[in-house]
Amino acid sequence: MKKYFQLGDVFYYFIRVFKKPDPNAPSSFNLRMMHGINKISIVMFLCGVIYFIIKHLA
């Protein structure tokens, strides 16, 4: 059961998404747009979580 609640992979993904891309990796327009949308959605999710935390503490 403890294995299902480990968040190490999730936090690693957050760090990996915002790193500079590898110049030797294959790239296409679709792949770049997908990563851009993922970055936007992660930032919006974190803003929402912070908003709800502040709203419930105040």
Protein backbone atom coordinates (compact mmCIF):
# COMPACT_ATOMS: atom_id res chain seq x y z
CA MET A 1 0.00 0.00 0.00
CA LYS A 2 2.87 2.38 0.78
CA LYS A 3 4.08 2.03 -2.82
CA TYR A 4 0.91 3.64 -4.18
CA PHE A 5 1.34 6.82 -2.13
CA GLN A 6 4.95 7.58 -3.05
CA LEU A 7 5.19 10.93 -4.81
CA GLY A 8 8.84 10.86 -5.89
CA ASP A 9 8.01 10.22 -9.55
CA VAL A 10 5.48 13.05 -9.59
CA PHE A 11 7.93 15.60 -8.20
CA TYR A 12 10.63 14.34 -10.57
CA TYR A 13 8.25 14.94 -13.49
CA PHE A 14 7.64 18.54 -12.32
CA ILE A 15 11.39 19.16 -12.28
CA ARG A 16 11.99 17.39 -15.59
CA VAL A 17 9.24 19.28 -17.45
CA PHE A 18 10.77 22.67 -16.74
CA LYS A 19 14.34 21.72 -17.64
CA LYS A 20 15.93 22.93 -20.84
CA PRO A 21 15.30 20.36 -23.59
CA ASP A 22 18.10 18.11 -24.80
CA PRO A 23 19.44 19.50 -28.11
CA ASN A 24 20.12 15.97 -29.41
CA ALA A 25 16.58 14.73 -28.75
CA PRO A 26 14.22 14.41 -31.71
CA SER A 27 11.78 17.29 -31.86
CA SER A 28 8.65 18.08 -33.79
CA PHE A 29 6.05 20.82 -33.66
CA ASN A 30 3.48 18.50 -32.07
CA LEU A 31 5.89 17.39 -29.36
CA ARG A 32 6.89 20.96 -28.50
CA MET A 33 3.22 22.03 -28.29
CA MET A 34 2.39 19.05 -26.07
CA HIS A 35 5.18 19.96 -23.65
CA GLY A 36 4.10 23.61 -23.69
CA ILE A 37 0.51 22.68 -22.84
CA ASN A 38 1.77 20.39 -20.07
CA LYS A 39 3.78 23.26 -18.57
CA ILE A 40 0.76 25.56 -18.66
CA SER A 41 -1.50 22.95 -17.07
CA ILE A 42 1.01 22.21 -14.28
CA VAL A 43 1.35 25.92 -13.46
CA MET A 44 -2.45 26.39 -13.47
CA PHE A 45 -2.93 23.34 -11.25
CA LEU A 46 -0.37 24.59 -8.72
CA CYS A 47 -1.98 28.06 -8.75
CA GLY A 48 -5.36 26.44 -8.03
CA VAL A 49 -3.97 24.35 -5.18
CA ILE A 50 -2.34 27.44 -3.64
CA TYR A 51 -5.58 29.40 -4.04
CA PHE A 52 -7.64 26.73 -2.25
CA ILE A 53 -5.08 26.42 0.55
CA ILE A 54 -5.11 30.19 1.10
CA LYS A 55 -8.91 30.33 0.85
CA HIS A 56 -9.39 27.61 3.47
CA LEU A 57 -6.77 29.01 5.87
CA ALA A 58 -8.15 32.54 5.82
